[in-house]
Amino acid sequence: SEEVKEEAPKEEKKEEKAEAEDPLKLKVDDLKGLSNRTVNVLMENKVEKVKDIVKMDEEKLSELKGMGDKGIKEIKKAIGEFGLTLK
């Protein structure tokens, strides 16, 4: 159990670092929890960064060719990790 305690602070530091970077500048393929399909649909529709996602609402996302409810759920969850929401 002591080993687990030693590893925990390292993980916390990593998370702090990730938050310090501007999540809006992240590329969509760097978002955790997005399936390859969802990433491909976003890229094909020129939605390449998180800042492009947050400009859209759920309706706009669903209008992207190939985007379904599952993809929208994945996206909402992924940007939610950064405290971001769709428009």
Protein backbone atom coordinates (compact mmCIF):
# COMPACT_ATOMS: atom_id res chain seq x y z
CA SER A 1 0.00 0.00 0.00
CA GLU A 2 2.98 2.34 0.51
CA GLU A 3 3.90 2.00 -3.19
CA VAL A 4 0.44 3.17 -4.19
CA LYS A 5 0.81 6.27 -2.01
CA GLU A 6 4.14 7.11 -3.63
CA GLU A 7 2.64 6.89 -7.13
CA ALA A 8 -0.41 9.05 -6.41
CA PRO A 9 1.33 12.48 -6.23
CA LYS A 10 2.98 11.90 -9.61
CA GLU A 11 -0.43 11.38 -11.20
CA GLU A 12 -1.79 14.54 -9.60
CA LYS A 13 1.09 16.57 -11.01
CA LYS A 14 0.39 15.26 -14.50
CA GLU A 15 -3.25 16.35 -14.24
CA GLU A 16 -2.30 19.83 -13.05
CA LYS A 17 0.05 20.21 -16.00
CA ALA A 18 -2.69 19.17 -18.45
CA GLU A 19 -5.06 21.77 -16.97
CA ALA A 20 -2.44 24.49 -17.21
CA GLU A 21 -2.27 24.05 -20.98
CA ASP A 22 -5.06 25.73 -22.86
CA PRO A 23 -7.55 22.93 -23.65
CA LEU A 24 -9.02 25.01 -26.50
CA LYS A 25 -5.76 24.58 -28.41
CA LEU A 26 -5.85 20.80 -28.11
CA LYS A 27 -6.36 18.88 -31.32
CA VAL A 28 -9.47 16.71 -31.38
CA ASP A 29 -7.35 13.58 -31.76
CA ASP A 30 -5.69 14.43 -28.43
CA LEU A 31 -9.02 14.33 -26.61
CA LYS A 32 -9.41 11.27 -24.41
CA GLY A 33 -12.43 9.05 -24.87
CA LEU A 34 -13.20 9.83 -28.50
CA SER A 35 -13.52 6.85 -30.80
CA ASN A 36 -11.54 6.83 -34.03
CA ARG A 37 -14.80 7.24 -35.90
CA THR A 38 -15.71 10.40 -34.00
CA VAL A 39 -12.24 11.88 -34.50
CA ASN A 40 -12.38 11.06 -38.23
CA VAL A 41 -15.81 12.67 -38.61
CA LEU A 42 -14.57 15.83 -36.88
CA MET A 43 -11.39 15.99 -38.96
CA GLU A 44 -13.26 15.37 -42.23
CA ASN A 45 -15.52 18.29 -41.35
CA LYS A 46 -12.54 20.58 -40.60
CA VAL A 47 -13.25 20.52 -36.86
CA GLU A 48 -9.64 20.10 -35.84
CA LYS A 49 -9.29 21.68 -32.41
CA VAL A 50 -11.33 21.87 -29.22
CA LYS A 51 -11.93 25.58 -29.87
CA ASP A 52 -13.76 24.54 -33.07
CA ILE A 53 -15.98 22.17 -31.08
CA VAL A 54 -17.05 24.67 -28.42
CA LYS A 55 -18.24 27.09 -31.11
CA MET A 56 -20.83 24.49 -32.11
CA ASP A 57 -24.03 23.41 -30.43
CA GLU A 58 -25.38 19.87 -30.33
CA GLU A 59 -27.53 20.49 -33.41
CA LYS A 60 -24.56 21.72 -35.47
CA LEU A 61 -22.51 18.71 -34.38
CA SER A 62 -25.30 16.32 -35.36
CA GLU A 63 -25.39 17.91 -38.82
CA LEU A 64 -21.79 16.85 -39.49
CA LYS A 65 -21.73 14.03 -42.02
CA GLY A 66 -21.31 10.76 -40.11
CA MET A 67 -21.86 12.21 -36.62
CA GLY A 68 -24.36 10.37 -34.43
CA ASP A 69 -25.66 10.55 -30.88
CA LYS A 70 -22.83 8.35 -29.61
CA GLY A 71 -20.20 10.68 -31.07
CA ILE A 72 -21.89 13.71 -29.55
CA LYS A 73 -21.96 11.99 -26.15
CA GLU A 74 -18.25 11.18 -26.47
CA ILE A 75 -17.46 14.79 -27.38
CA LYS A 76 -19.52 16.27 -24.54
CA LYS A 77 -17.82 13.96 -22.05
CA ALA A 78 -14.33 14.65 -23.45
CA ILE A 79 -14.63 18.45 -23.37
CA GLY A 80 -16.43 18.22 -20.03
CA GLU A 81 -13.18 16.92 -18.53
CA PHE A 82 -11.84 20.45 -19.07
CA GLY A 83 -15.00 22.09 -17.74
CA LEU A 84 -16.02 23.02 -21.31
CA THR A 85 -19.46 22.65 -22.86
CA LEU A 86 -21.00 22.92 -26.28
CA LYS A 87 -22.46 26.27 -27.21
